[in-house]
PDB file of all heavy atoms in Angstrom:
ATOM      1  N   TRP A   1     -65.234-182.214  34.069  1.00  0.00           N
ATOM      2  CA  TRP A   1     -66.518-181.516  33.860  1.00  0.00           C
ATOM      3  C   TRP A   1     -67.675-182.501  33.805  1.00  0.00           C
ATOM      4  O   TRP A   1     -68.750-182.264  34.325  1.00  0.00           O
ATOM      5  CB  TRP A   1     -66.453-180.667  32.612  1.00  0.00           C
ATOM      6  CG  TRP A   1     -67.733-179.991  32.242  1.00  0.00           C
ATOM      7  CD1 TRP A   1     -68.435-180.099  31.081  1.00  0.00           C
ATOM      8  CD2 TRP A   1     -68.509-179.104  33.063  1.00  0.00           C
ATOM      9  NE1 TRP A   1     -69.583-179.357  31.133  1.00  0.00           N
ATOM     10  CE2 TRP A   1     -69.648-178.729  32.335  1.00  0.00           C
ATOM     11  CE3 TRP A   1     -68.343-178.597  34.365  1.00  0.00           C
ATOM     12  CZ2 TRP A   1     -70.606-177.859  32.818  1.00  0.00           C
ATOM     13  CZ3 TRP A   1     -69.317-177.746  34.845  1.00  0.00           C
ATOM     14  CH2 TRP A   1     -70.431-177.377  34.099  1.00  0.00           C
ATOM     15  N   GLU A   2     -67.449-183.646  33.163  1.00  0.00           N
ATOM     16  CA  GLU A   2     -68.499-184.665  33.092  1.00  0.00           C
ATOM     17  C   GLU A   2     -68.808-185.187  34.476  1.00  0.00           C
ATOM     18  O   GLU A   2     -69.995-185.455  34.813  1.00  0.00           O
ATOM     19  CB  GLU A   2     -68.055-185.825  32.181  1.00  0.00           C
ATOM     20  CG  GLU A   2     -68.023-185.454  30.677  1.00  0.00           C
ATOM     21  CD  GLU A   2     -69.387-185.054  30.183  1.00  0.00           C
ATOM     22  OE1 GLU A   2     -70.383-185.630  30.646  1.00  0.00           O
ATOM     23  OE2 GLU A   2     -69.453-184.135  29.310  1.00  0.00           O
ATOM     24  N   ARG A   3     -67.799-185.347  35.337  1.00  0.00           N
ATOM     25  CA  ARG A   3     -68.042-185.827  36.702  1.00  0.00           C
ATOM     26  C   ARG A   3     -68.831-184.788  37.500  1.00  0.00           C
ATOM     27  O   ARG A   3     -69.717-185.152  38.295  1.00  0.00           O
ATOM     28  CB  ARG A   3     -66.698-186.101  37.391  1.00  0.00           C
ATOM     29  CG  ARG A   3     -65.963-187.314  36.812  1.00  0.00           C
ATOM     30  CD  ARG A   3     -64.636-187.496  37.496  1.00  0.00           C
ATOM     31  NE  ARG A   3     -64.790-187.739  38.906  1.00  0.00           N
ATOM     32  CZ  ARG A   3     -63.760-187.841  39.784  1.00  0.00           C
ATOM     33  NH1 ARG A   3     -62.498-187.696  39.327  1.00  0.00           N
ATOM     34  NH2 ARG A   3     -63.973-188.074  41.050  1.00  0.00           N
ATOM     35  N   ILE A   4     -68.529-183.501  37.294  1.00  0.00           N
ATOM     36  CA  ILE A   4     -69.261-182.453  38.010  1.00  0.00           C
ATOM     37  C   ILE A   4     -70.722-182.421  37.558  1.00  0.00           C
ATOM     38  O   ILE A   4     -71.658-182.342  38.399  1.00  0.00           O
ATOM     39  CB  ILE A   4     -68.599-181.066  37.756  1.00  0.00           C
ATOM     40  CG1 ILE A   4     -67.217-181.038  38.455  1.00  0.00           C
ATOM     41  CG2 ILE A   4     -69.484-179.944  38.263  1.00  0.00           C
ATOM     42  CD1 ILE A   4     -66.413-179.798  38.125  1.00  0.00           C
ATOM     43  N   ARG A   5     -70.947-182.542  36.260  1.00  0.00           N
ATOM     44  CA  ARG A   5     -72.304-182.512  35.732  1.00  0.00           C
ATOM     45  C   ARG A   5     -73.121-183.695  36.242  1.00  0.00           C
ATOM     46  O   ARG A   5     -74.364-183.611  36.332  1.00  0.00           O
ATOM     47  CB  ARG A   5     -72.272-182.536  34.211  1.00  0.00           C
ATOM     48  CG  ARG A   5     -71.771-181.244  33.606  1.00  0.00           C
ATOM     49  CD  ARG A   5     -71.782-181.333  32.091  1.00  0.00           C
ATOM     50  NE  ARG A   5     -73.146-181.530  31.599  1.00  0.00           N
ATOM     51  CZ  ARG A   5     -73.441-181.735  30.310  1.00  0.00           C
ATOM     52  NH1 ARG A   5     -72.475-181.770  29.422  1.00  0.00           N
ATOM     53  NH2 ARG A   5     -74.706-181.906  29.929  1.00  0.00           N
ATOM     54  N   ALA A   6     -72.453-184.789  36.591  1.00  0.00           N
ATOM     55  CA  ALA A   6     -73.159-185.976  37.084  1.00  0.00           C
ATOM     56  C   ALA A   6     -73.588-185.873  38.535  1.00  0.00           C
ATOM     57  O   ALA A   6     -74.361-186.697  39.020  1.00  0.00           O
ATOM     58  CB  ALA A   6     -72.278-187.204  36.877  1.00  0.00           C
ATOM     59  N   LEU A   7     -73.097-184.852  39.282  1.00  0.00           N
ATOM     60  CA  LEU A   7     -73.433-184.696  40.684  1.00  0.00           C
ATOM     61  C   LEU A   7     -74.914-184.340  40.842  1.00  0.00           C
ATOM     62  O   LEU A   7     -75.473-183.611  40.010  1.00  0.00           O
ATOM     63  CB  LEU A   7     -72.578-183.638  41.350  1.00  0.00           C
ATOM     64  CG  LEU A   7     -71.070-183.940  41.462  1.00  0.00           C
ATOM     65  CD1 LEU A   7     -70.321-182.752  41.989  1.00  0.00           C
ATOM     66  CD2 LEU A   7     -70.857-185.148  42.380  1.00  0.00           C
ATOM     67  N   PRO A   8     -75.577-184.787  41.921  1.00  0.00           N
ATOM     68  CA  PRO A   8     -76.996-184.469  42.179  1.00  0.00           C
ATOM     69  C   PRO A   8     -77.216-182.954  42.296  1.00  0.00           C
ATOM     70  O   PRO A   8     -76.441-182.267  42.988  1.00  0.00           O
ATOM     71  CB  PRO A   8     -77.321-185.192  43.483  1.00  0.00           C
ATOM     72  CG  PRO A   8     -76.284-186.269  43.588  1.00  0.00           C
ATOM     73  CD  PRO A   8     -75.059-185.719  42.942  1.00  0.00           C
ATOM     74  N   GLY A   9     -78.180-182.430  41.607  1.00  0.00           N
ATOM     75  CA  GLY A   9     -78.536-181.020  41.731  1.00  0.00           C
ATOM     76  C   GLY A   9     -77.841-180.122  40.758  1.00  0.00           C
ATOM     77  O   GLY A   9     -78.286-178.969  40.551  1.00  0.00           O
ATOM     78  N   VAL A  10     -76.745-180.556  40.131  1.00  0.00           N
ATOM     79  CA  VAL A  10     -76.008-179.666  39.209  1.00  0.00           C
ATOM     80  C   VAL A  10     -76.869-179.310  38.000  1.00  0.00           C
ATOM     81  O   VAL A  10     -76.915-178.208  37.539  1.00  0.00           O
ATOM     82  CB  VAL A  10     -74.686-180.320  38.789  1.00  0.00           C
ATOM     83  CG1 VAL A  10     -74.052-179.540  37.635  1.00  0.00           C
ATOM     84  CG2 VAL A  10     -73.744-180.352  39.967  1.00  0.00           C
ATOM     85  N   GLY A  11     -77.606-180.324  37.486  1.00  0.00           N
ATOM     86  CA  GLY A  11     -78.452-180.056  36.332  1.00  0.00           C
ATOM     87  C   GLY A  11     -79.541-179.057  36.649  1.00  0.00           C
ATOM     88  O   GLY A  11     -79.864-178.189  35.860  1.00  0.00           O
ATOM     89  N   ILE A  12     -80.108-179.172  37.865  1.00  0.00           N
ATOM     90  CA  ILE A  12     -81.149-178.245  38.279  1.00  0.00           C
ATOM     91  C   ILE A  12     -80.580-176.845  38.423  1.00  0.00           C
ATOM     92  O   ILE A  12     -81.182-175.874  37.953  1.00  0.00           O
ATOM     93  CB  ILE A  12     -81.773-178.702  39.619  1.00  0.00           C
ATOM     94  CG1 ILE A  12     -82.469-180.049  39.425  1.00  0.00           C
ATOM     95  CG2 ILE A  12     -82.749-177.639  40.147  1.00  0.00           C
ATOM     96  CD1 ILE A  12     -82.964-180.637  40.727  1.00  0.00           C
ATOM     97  N   LEU A  13     -79.398-176.697  38.996  1.00  0.00           N
ATOM     98  CA  LEU A  13     -78.761-175.387  39.146  1.00  0.00           C
ATOM     99  C   LEU A  13     -78.492-174.757  37.809  1.00  0.00           C
ATOM    100  O   LEU A  13     -78.699-173.557  37.621  1.00  0.00           O
ATOM    101  CB  LEU A  13     -77.462-175.536  39.944  1.00  0.00           C
ATOM    102  CG  LEU A  13     -77.602-175.864  41.440  1.00  0.00           C
ATOM    103  CD1 LEU A  13     -76.239-176.145  42.058  1.00  0.00           C
ATOM    104  CD2 LEU A  13     -78.291-174.701  42.162  1.00  0.00           C
ATOM    105  N   ALA A  14     -78.033-175.555  36.879  1.00  0.00           N
ATOM    106  CA  ALA A  14     -77.740-175.024  35.551  1.00  0.00           C
ATOM    107  C   ALA A  14     -79.024-174.540  34.876  1.00  0.00           C
ATOM    108  O   ALA A  14     -79.022-173.473  34.243  1.00  0.00           O
ATOM    109  CB  ALA A  14     -77.068-176.091  34.703  1.00  0.00           C
ATOM    110  N   ARG A  15     -80.106-175.269  35.015  1.00  0.00           N
ATOM    111  CA  ARG A  15     -81.346-174.847  34.374  1.00  0.00           C
ATOM    112  C   ARG A  15     -81.878-173.574  35.033  1.00  0.00           C
ATOM    113  O   ARG A  15     -82.418-172.715  34.364  1.00  0.00           O
ATOM    114  CB  ARG A  15     -82.372-175.970  34.469  1.00  0.00           C
ATOM    115  CG  ARG A  15     -82.079-177.131  33.499  1.00  0.00           C
ATOM    116  CD  ARG A  15     -83.263-178.064  33.380  1.00  0.00           C
ATOM    117  NE  ARG A  15     -83.570-178.754  34.632  1.00  0.00           N
ATOM    118  CZ  ARG A  15     -83.001-179.918  34.975  1.00  0.00           C
ATOM    119  NH1 ARG A  15     -82.095-180.476  34.181  1.00  0.00           N
ATOM    120  NH2 ARG A  15     -83.317-180.510  36.119  1.00  0.00           N
ATOM    121  N   LEU A  16     -81.723-173.463  36.372  1.00  0.00           N
ATOM    122  CA  LEU A  16     -82.144-172.249  37.068  1.00  0.00           C
ATOM    123  C   LEU A  16     -81.327-171.057  36.588  1.00  0.00           C
ATOM    124  O   LEU A  16     -81.847-169.959  36.396  1.00  0.00           O
ATOM    125  CB  LEU A  16     -81.998-172.425  38.568  1.00  0.00           C
ATOM    126  CG  LEU A  16     -83.067-173.269  39.255  1.00  0.00           C
ATOM    127  CD1 LEU A  16     -82.681-173.487  40.703  1.00  0.00           C
ATOM    128  CD2 LEU A  16     -84.425-172.579  39.168  1.00  0.00           C
ATOM    129  N   ARG A  17     -80.028-171.284  36.437  1.00  0.00           N
ATOM    130  CA  ARG A  17     -79.147-170.166  36.054  1.00  0.00           C
ATOM    131  C   ARG A  17     -79.516-169.599  34.706  1.00  0.00           C
ATOM    132  O   ARG A  17     -79.480-168.392  34.501  1.00  0.00           O
ATOM    133  CB  ARG A  17     -77.680-170.674  36.032  1.00  0.00           C
ATOM    134  CG  ARG A  17     -76.684-169.696  35.430  1.00  0.00           C
ATOM    135  CD  ARG A  17     -76.560-168.440  36.303  1.00  0.00           C
ATOM    136  NE  ARG A  17     -75.665-167.485  35.709  1.00  0.00           N
ATOM    137  CZ  ARG A  17     -76.018-166.588  34.798  1.00  0.00           C
ATOM    138  NH1 ARG A  17     -77.248-166.533  34.357  1.00  0.00           N
ATOM    139  NH2 ARG A  17     -75.138-165.725  34.313  1.00  0.00           N
ATOM    140  N   PHE A  18     -79.931-170.427  33.798  1.00  0.00           N
ATOM    141  CA  PHE A  18     -80.208-169.959  32.447  1.00  0.00           C
ATOM    142  C   PHE A  18     -81.705-169.785  32.183  1.00  0.00           C
ATOM    143  O   PHE A  18     -82.074-169.497  31.059  1.00  0.00           O
ATOM    144  CB  PHE A  18     -79.599-170.923  31.418  1.00  0.00           C
ATOM    145  CG  PHE A  18     -78.100-170.903  31.435  1.00  0.00           C
ATOM    146  CD1 PHE A  18     -77.386-171.955  31.972  1.00  0.00           C
ATOM    147  CD2 PHE A  18     -77.414-169.813  30.945  1.00  0.00           C
ATOM    148  CE1 PHE A  18     -76.008-171.950  32.007  1.00  0.00           C
ATOM    149  CE2 PHE A  18     -76.020-169.786  30.951  1.00  0.00           C
ATOM    150  CZ  PHE A  18     -75.322-170.840  31.493  1.00  0.00           C
ATOM    151  N   SER A  19     -82.524-169.925  33.215  1.00  0.00           N
ATOM    152  CA  SER A  19     -83.975-169.656  33.045  1.00  0.00           C
ATOM    153  C   SER A  19     -84.205-168.170  33.196  1.00  0.00           C
ATOM    154  O   SER A  19     -83.370-167.404  33.690  1.00  0.00           O
ATOM    155  CB  SER A  19     -84.787-170.420  34.108  1.00  0.00           C
ATOM    156  OG  SER A  19     -84.508-169.882  35.389  1.00  0.00           O
ATOM    157  N   ALA A  20     -85.381-167.722  32.743  1.00  0.00           N
ATOM    158  CA  ALA A  20     -85.731-166.295  32.865  1.00  0.00           C
ATOM    159  C   ALA A  20     -85.758-165.866  34.332  1.00  0.00           C
ATOM    160  O   ALA A  20     -85.272-164.795  34.691  1.00  0.00           O
ATOM    161  CB  ALA A  20     -87.084-166.046  32.194  1.00  0.00           C
ATOM    162  N   ALA A  21     -86.316-166.749  35.195  1.00  0.00           N
ATOM    163  CA  ALA A  21     -86.361-166.414  36.613  1.00  0.00           C
ATOM    164  C   ALA A  21     -84.947-166.328  37.180  1.00  0.00           C
ATOM    165  O   ALA A  21     -84.661-165.440  38.002  1.00  0.00           O
ATOM    166  CB  ALA A  21     -87.172-167.480  37.366  1.00  0.00           C
ATOM    167  N   GLY A  22     -84.090-167.222  36.753  1.00  0.00           N
ATOM    168  CA  GLY A  22     -82.716-167.180  37.258  1.00  0.00           C
ATOM    169  C   GLY A  22     -81.998-165.905  36.843  1.00  0.00           C
ATOM    170  O   GLY A  22     -81.256-165.319  37.623  1.00  0.00           O
ATOM    171  N   ARG A  23     -82.203-165.453  35.589  1.00  0.00           N
ATOM    172  CA  ARG A  23     -81.574-164.225  35.132  1.00  0.00           C
ATOM    173  C   ARG A  23     -82.094-163.030  35.911  1.00  0.00           C
ATOM    174  O   ARG A  23     -81.321-162.128  36.276  1.00  0.00           O
ATOM    175  CB  ARG A  23     -81.814-164.063  33.617  1.00  0.00           C
ATOM    176  CG  ARG A  23     -81.016-165.016  32.743  1.00  0.00           C
ATOM    177  CD  ARG A  23     -81.009-164.575  31.289  1.00  0.00           C
ATOM    178  NE  ARG A  23     -82.374-164.601  30.737  1.00  0.00           N
ATOM    179  CZ  ARG A  23     -82.906-165.661  30.169  1.00  0.00           C
ATOM    180  NH1 ARG A  23     -82.246-166.807  30.108  1.00  0.00           N
ATOM    181  NH2 ARG A  23     -84.140-165.591  29.663  1.00  0.00           N
ATOM    182  N   ARG A  24     -83.444-163.003  36.175  1.00  0.00           N
ATOM    183  CA  ARG A  24     -83.985-161.869  36.926  1.00  0.00           C
ATOM    184  C   ARG A  24     -83.426-161.869  38.353  1.00  0.00           C
ATOM    185  O   ARG A  24     -83.095-160.818  38.905  1.00  0.00           O
ATOM    186  CB  ARG A  24     -85.509-161.963  36.961  1.00  0.00           C
ATOM    187  CG  ARG A  24     -86.161-161.615  35.606  1.00  0.00           C
ATOM    188  CD  ARG A  24     -87.662-161.387  35.767  1.00  0.00           C
ATOM    189  NE  ARG A  24     -88.351-162.605  36.242  1.00  0.00           N
ATOM    190  CZ  ARG A  24     -88.821-163.520  35.404  1.00  0.00           C
ATOM    191  NH1 ARG A  24     -88.728-163.346  34.083  1.00  0.00           N
ATOM    192  NH2 ARG A  24     -89.431-164.596  35.873  1.00  0.00           N
ATOM    193  N   ALA A  25     -83.296-163.049  38.947  1.00  0.00           N
ATOM    194  CA  ALA A  25     -82.751-163.120  40.316  1.00  0.00           C
ATOM    195  C   ALA A  25     -81.317-162.648  40.335  1.00  0.00           C
ATOM    196  O   ALA A  25     -80.898-161.951  41.265  1.00  0.00           O
ATOM    197  CB  ALA A  25     -82.859-164.565  40.845  1.00  0.00           C
ATOM    198  N   ALA A  26     -80.533-163.012  39.302  1.00  0.00           N
ATOM    199  CA  ALA A  26     -79.139-162.573  39.245  1.00  0.00           C
ATOM    200  C   ALA A  26     -79.047-161.067  39.105  1.00  0.00           C
ATOM    201  O   ALA A  26     -78.197-160.406  39.709  1.00  0.00           O
ATOM    202  CB  ALA A  26     -78.434-163.270  38.093  1.00  0.00           C
ATOM    203  N   GLN A  27     -79.965-160.472  38.298  1.00  0.00           N
ATOM    204  CA  GLN A  27     -79.953-159.021  38.143  1.00  0.00           C
ATOM    205  C   GLN A  27     -80.275-158.310  39.447  1.00  0.00           C
ATOM    206  O   GLN A  27     -79.663-157.290  39.805  1.00  0.00           O
ATOM    207  CB  GLN A  27     -80.971-158.612  37.069  1.00  0.00           C
ATOM    208  CG  GLN A  27     -80.550-159.037  35.632  1.00  0.00           C
ATOM    209  CD  GLN A  27     -81.657-158.849  34.647  1.00  0.00           C
ATOM    210  OE1 GLN A  27     -82.771-158.418  35.029  1.00  0.00           O
ATOM    211  NE2 GLN A  27     -81.376-159.174  33.387  1.00  0.00           N
ATOM    212  N   ARG A  28     -81.310-158.842  40.173  1.00  0.00           N
ATOM    213  CA  ARG A  28     -81.664-158.233  41.466  1.00  0.00           C
ATOM    214  C   ARG A  28     -80.486-158.314  42.444  1.00  0.00           C
ATOM    215  O   ARG A  28     -80.210-157.385  43.192  1.00  0.00           O
ATOM    216  CB  ARG A  28     -82.906-158.901  42.051  1.00  0.00           C
ATOM    217  CG  ARG A  28     -84.184-158.548  41.314  1.00  0.00           C
ATOM    218  CD  ARG A  28     -85.407-158.954  42.106  1.00  0.00           C
ATOM    219  NE  ARG A  28     -85.493-160.387  42.290  1.00  0.00           N
ATOM    220  CZ  ARG A  28     -86.118-161.223  41.451  1.00  0.00           C
ATOM    221  NH1 ARG A  28     -86.713-160.728  40.370  1.00  0.00           N
ATOM    222  NH2 ARG A  28     -86.144-162.524  41.658  1.00  0.00           N
ATOM    223  N   LEU A  29     -79.803-159.443  42.432  1.00  0.00           N
ATOM    224  CA  LEU A  29     -78.656-159.600  43.340  1.00  0.00           C
ATOM    225  C   LEU A  29     -77.558-158.635  43.031  1.00  0.00           C
ATOM    226  O   LEU A  29     -76.962-158.019  43.911  1.00  0.00           O
ATOM    227  CB  LEU A  29     -78.153-161.057  43.254  1.00  0.00           C
ATOM    228  CG  LEU A  29     -76.985-161.403  44.179  1.00  0.00           C
ATOM    229  CD1 LEU A  29     -77.368-161.181  45.636  1.00  0.00           C
ATOM    230  CD2 LEU A  29     -76.554-162.836  43.966  1.00  0.00           C
TER     231      LEU A  29
END
């Protein structure tokens, strides 16, 4: 899991997933 978290872009994806915009996008999907 630490190796996955170190990959480029993973941190950004995680922040998007748990942001308000990310939650709204998931609901629309």
